[in-house]
């Protein structure tokens, strides 16, 4: 097994929280892990209609030039995280789901326009959740079938976030994964807003990526709910 030392030990806790959230939805979840140069990236797919979640961190020591690329059990990877020591032990590879063999591009991302403020993004996610609850509560108990609930969810989460082209399902996923929480200031007291702390919308070909200080979500535009991707 390979053990990776993170440049910031506290990032181990963030990776553990990310994996724990994925495992709440799927106890047998798999993730794809890549380490190239001085960066570790972990990719997972929560159940939000083709949304891909991404968590990255800097490594204390760059890996071998050939890099590390493996699909592994999310549960086993979580067990291999030493939070106090800031290390990640990579378990053996597993046969993962189809999406794990296909990822968005690594490079070529550029800023995209139209993203509202962080507060408005969080408000959009909360409004969607509130609408889903209200519409389902209006249904008679016998009418709350999986088909009906899925149709309501698709109606809400397939909408776009303002004029960004980003579906609300991506915002919902980012919120559920803890990527949209307010950034904690490193020192007490007021501070000017920093663009480094705010969510950023990026585009690469047909792909959109919502990046925050806590992680990213990526989706491919105009492809329905499936995750159509580019091999890497």
Protein backbone atom coordinates (compact mmCIF):
# COMPACT_ATOMS: atom_id res chain seq x y z
CA UNK A 1 0.00 0.00 0.00
CA UNK A 2 1.05 3.59 -0.67
CA UNK A 3 0.83 6.23 2.04
CA UNK A 4 0.61 9.89 1.03
CA UNK A 5 1.55 12.75 3.33
CA UNK A 6 -0.61 15.84 2.93
CA UNK A 7 1.04 19.25 3.01
CA UNK A 8 -1.60 20.47 5.47
CA UNK A 9 -2.47 17.76 8.02
CA UNK A 10 -5.91 19.29 8.62
CA UNK A 11 -6.82 18.38 5.04
CA UNK A 12 -7.03 14.76 6.19
CA UNK A 13 -10.09 15.65 8.23
CA UNK A 14 -11.67 17.30 5.18
CA UNK A 15 -11.08 14.22 3.05
CA UNK A 16 -12.56 12.02 5.78
CA UNK A 17 -15.68 14.19 5.96
CA UNK A 18 -16.05 14.08 2.17
CA UNK A 19 -15.82 10.29 2.08
CA UNK A 20 -18.19 9.91 5.04
CA UNK A 21 -20.85 11.94 3.21
CA UNK A 22 -20.52 9.78 0.10
CA UNK A 23 -20.83 6.64 2.22
CA UNK A 24 -24.07 7.87 3.78
CA UNK A 25 -25.70 7.52 0.36
CA UNK A 26 -23.89 4.36 -0.72
CA UNK A 27 -22.13 2.08 1.77
CA UNK A 28 -20.35 0.37 -1.13
CA UNK A 29 -19.27 3.61 -2.84
CA UNK A 30 -16.08 3.65 -4.87
CA UNK A 31 -13.94 6.68 -5.60
CA UNK A 32 -11.21 7.36 -8.10
CA UNK A 33 -7.99 8.67 -6.61
CA UNK A 34 -5.27 10.44 -8.57
CA UNK A 35 -1.97 11.82 -7.32
CA UNK A 36 0.18 13.67 -9.82
CA UNK A 37 3.04 16.00 -9.01
CA UNK A 38 2.17 17.60 -5.70
CA UNK A 39 -1.61 17.28 -5.81
CA UNK A 40 -4.00 14.58 -4.59
CA UNK A 41 -7.51 14.47 -6.09
CA UNK A 42 -10.40 12.22 -5.10
CA UNK A 43 -13.48 11.90 -7.34
CA UNK A 44 -16.85 10.55 -6.27
CA UNK A 45 -20.39 10.47 -7.58
CA UNK A 46 -23.21 11.26 -5.15
CA UNK A 47 -26.79 10.39 -6.22
CA UNK A 48 -27.58 13.73 -7.83
CA UNK A 49 -28.16 12.84 -11.46
CA UNK A 50 -24.70 12.73 -13.00
CA UNK A 51 -22.94 15.22 -10.74
CA UNK A 52 -19.27 14.48 -10.11
CA UNK A 53 -17.74 15.63 -6.81
CA UNK A 54 -14.05 16.47 -6.52
CA UNK A 55 -11.84 17.05 -3.46
CA UNK A 56 -8.17 18.04 -3.82
CA UNK A 57 -5.25 18.79 -1.52
CA UNK A 58 -1.55 19.54 -1.83
CA UNK A 59 0.93 16.80 -0.99
CA UNK A 60 3.94 17.36 1.25
CA UNK A 61 6.16 15.49 -1.23
CA UNK A 62 5.46 15.11 -4.96
CA UNK A 63 4.71 11.56 -6.03
CA UNK A 64 6.66 9.58 -8.57
CA UNK A 65 6.57 11.17 -12.06
CA UNK A 66 4.37 8.32 -13.26
CA UNK A 67 1.79 9.38 -10.69
CA UNK A 68 -0.82 7.31 -8.89
CA UNK A 69 -4.23 6.50 -10.34
CA UNK A 70 -6.61 3.97 -8.81
CA UNK A 71 -10.27 3.26 -8.20
CA UNK A 72 -10.72 2.17 -4.59
CA UNK A 73 -13.37 1.51 -1.97
CA UNK A 74 -14.45 4.76 -0.34
CA UNK A 75 -14.88 2.93 2.97
CA UNK A 76 -11.41 1.42 2.89
CA UNK A 77 -9.89 4.76 1.89
CA UNK A 78 -11.66 6.40 4.82
CA UNK A 79 -10.22 3.75 7.17
CA UNK A 80 -6.76 4.55 5.81
CA UNK A 81 -6.88 8.25 6.71
CA UNK A 82 -4.83 9.27 9.73
CA UNK A 83 -6.29 12.64 10.67
CA UNK A 84 -3.74 13.59 13.38
CA UNK A 85 -0.85 12.58 11.15
CA UNK A 86 -2.27 14.06 7.97
CA UNK A 87 -1.68 10.92 5.91
CA UNK A 88 -3.77 8.92 3.44
CA UNK A 89 -3.06 5.22 2.91
CA UNK A 90 -4.32 4.03 -0.47
CA UNK A 91 -6.03 0.60 -0.36
CA UNK A 92 -6.02 -1.95 -3.14
CA UNK A 93 -7.88 -1.25 -6.36
CA UNK A 94 -11.44 -2.40 -6.96
CA UNK A 95 -13.64 -2.71 -10.02
CA UNK A 96 -15.49 0.56 -9.94
CA UNK A 97 -18.63 1.92 -11.63
CA UNK A 98 -18.55 3.17 -15.20
CA UNK A 99 -18.10 6.82 -14.29
CA UNK A 100 -14.83 6.07 -12.47
CA UNK A 101 -13.14 5.31 -15.77
CA UNK A 102 -14.18 8.66 -17.24
CA UNK A 103 -13.46 12.09 -15.83
CA UNK A 104 -13.69 15.75 -16.83
CA UNK A 105 -10.58 17.31 -18.41
CA UNK A 106 -7.67 18.12 -16.14
CA UNK A 107 -6.77 21.36 -17.90
CA UNK A 108 -8.36 23.98 -20.12
CA UNK A 109 -10.73 25.40 -17.49
CA UNK A 110 -11.60 29.08 -17.85
CA UNK A 111 -13.79 31.41 -15.77
CA UNK A 112 -17.47 31.50 -16.75
CA UNK A 113 -19.78 34.44 -16.11
CA UNK A 114 -23.10 34.82 -14.38
CA UNK A 115 -22.47 33.13 -11.03
CA UNK A 116 -24.45 34.82 -8.22
CA UNK A 117 -23.05 35.45 -4.76
CA UNK A 118 -22.31 32.62 -2.35
CA UNK A 119 -25.30 33.64 -0.26
CA UNK A 120 -27.61 33.52 -3.28
CA UNK A 121 -26.23 30.10 -4.30
CA UNK A 122 -26.93 28.69 -0.84
CA UNK A 123 -30.38 30.30 -0.92
CA UNK A 124 -31.13 28.63 -4.26
CA UNK A 125 -30.24 25.23 -2.82
CA UNK A 126 -32.38 25.83 0.27
CA UNK A 127 -35.31 27.03 -1.85
CA UNK A 128 -35.15 23.88 -3.94
CA UNK A 129 -35.19 21.64 -0.87
CA UNK A 130 -38.10 23.63 0.60
CA UNK A 131 -40.08 23.37 -2.65
CA UNK A 132 -39.51 19.62 -2.84
CA UNK A 133 -40.77 19.16 0.72
CA UNK A 134 -43.80 21.38 0.16
CA UNK A 135 -44.82 19.61 -3.05
CA UNK A 136 -44.42 16.14 -1.59
CA UNK A 137 -46.35 17.07 1.54
CA UNK A 138 -49.27 18.13 -0.64
CA UNK A 139 -49.52 14.62 -2.04
CA UNK A 140 -51.71 11.96 -0.52
CA UNK A 141 -49.59 9.24 1.14
CA UNK A 142 -50.54 6.67 -1.49
CA UNK A 143 -49.44 9.08 -4.25
CA UNK A 144 -45.89 9.44 -2.91
CA UNK A 145 -44.43 6.80 -5.15
CA UNK A 146 -40.81 6.72 -6.24
CA UNK A 147 -41.84 7.68 -9.78
CA UNK A 148 -43.77 10.73 -8.61
CA UNK A 149 -41.04 11.84 -6.20
CA UNK A 150 -38.36 11.44 -8.86
CA UNK A 151 -40.42 13.51 -11.29
CA UNK A 152 -40.77 16.33 -8.75
CA UNK A 153 -37.06 16.22 -7.98
CA UNK A 154 -36.17 16.29 -11.67
CA UNK A 155 -38.48 19.26 -12.28
CA UNK A 156 -36.77 21.23 -9.52
CA UNK A 157 -33.13 20.24 -9.87
CA UNK A 158 -32.96 20.35 -13.66
CA UNK A 159 -33.60 24.11 -13.57
CA UNK A 160 -30.65 26.39 -14.19
CA UNK A 161 -28.97 28.63 -11.64
CA UNK A 162 -29.75 32.05 -13.09
CA UNK A 163 -28.10 32.32 -16.54
CA UNK A 164 -25.07 30.17 -15.72
CA UNK A 165 -26.23 26.99 -17.44
CA UNK A 166 -25.42 25.15 -14.21
CA UNK A 167 -28.30 22.86 -13.18
CA UNK A 168 -29.58 23.25 -9.65
CA UNK A 169 -28.81 19.55 -9.06
CA UNK A 170 -25.12 20.55 -9.01
CA UNK A 171 -25.83 23.27 -6.45
CA UNK A 172 -27.85 20.79 -4.39
CA UNK A 173 -24.96 18.31 -4.47
CA UNK A 174 -22.44 20.99 -3.45
CA UNK A 175 -24.65 21.99 -0.54
CA UNK A 176 -25.23 18.40 0.59
CA UNK A 177 -21.49 17.65 0.44
CA UNK A 178 -20.64 20.66 2.60
CA UNK A 179 -18.93 22.58 -0.19
CA UNK A 180 -21.11 25.70 0.15
CA UNK A 181 -20.71 26.48 3.83
CA UNK A 182 -19.39 29.96 4.67
CA UNK A 183 -15.60 30.21 4.67
CA UNK A 184 -14.06 30.45 8.12
CA UNK A 185 -11.80 33.46 8.48
CA UNK A 186 -8.27 32.62 9.66
CA UNK A 187 -8.25 35.57 12.07
CA UNK A 188 -11.07 37.22 14.03
CA UNK A 189 -12.45 40.56 12.97
CA UNK A 190 -13.65 42.06 9.69
CA UNK A 191 -11.85 41.37 6.46
CA UNK A 192 -12.39 42.44 2.87
CA UNK A 193 -14.08 39.78 0.76
CA UNK A 194 -11.58 37.70 -1.18
CA UNK A 195 -12.25 36.22 -4.60
CA UNK A 196 -10.20 33.21 -3.45
CA UNK A 197 -12.87 32.47 -0.83
CA UNK A 198 -15.90 32.81 -3.12
CA UNK A 199 -17.33 30.03 -5.30
CA UNK A 200 -16.10 30.19 -8.89
CA UNK A 201 -17.77 28.88 -12.03
CA UNK A 202 -15.40 27.35 -14.59
CA UNK A 203 -15.99 25.95 -18.06
CA UNK A 204 -14.04 23.53 -20.26
CA UNK A 205 -15.74 22.56 -23.49
CA UNK A 206 -19.20 21.24 -22.58
CA UNK A 207 -18.24 20.93 -18.91
CA UNK A 208 -19.15 23.26 -16.04
CA UNK A 209 -17.42 23.14 -12.68
CA UNK A 210 -18.50 24.92 -9.50
CA UNK A 211 -15.36 25.30 -7.40
CA UNK A 212 -15.37 26.37 -3.76
CA UNK A 213 -12.69 26.42 -1.04
CA UNK A 214 -14.09 23.08 0.22
CA UNK A 215 -14.41 21.14 -3.03
CA UNK A 216 -15.92 21.15 -6.52
CA UNK A 217 -18.82 19.66 -8.43
CA UNK A 218 -18.76 19.16 -12.19
CA UNK A 219 -21.45 18.40 -14.76
CA UNK A 220 -21.61 18.12 -18.53
CA UNK A 221 -24.08 20.47 -20.20
CA UNK A 222 -26.90 19.48 -22.53
CA UNK A 223 -26.66 15.74 -21.92
CA UNK A 224 -29.72 15.09 -19.75
CA UNK A 225 -29.02 13.33 -16.46
CA UNK A 226 -26.25 11.01 -17.59
CA UNK A 227 -22.58 11.72 -16.95
CA UNK A 228 -21.07 11.83 -20.40
CA UNK A 229 -17.36 12.40 -20.00
CA UNK A 230 -13.93 12.39 -21.57
CA UNK A 231 -11.53 9.48 -20.89
CA UNK A 232 -8.31 10.35 -19.04
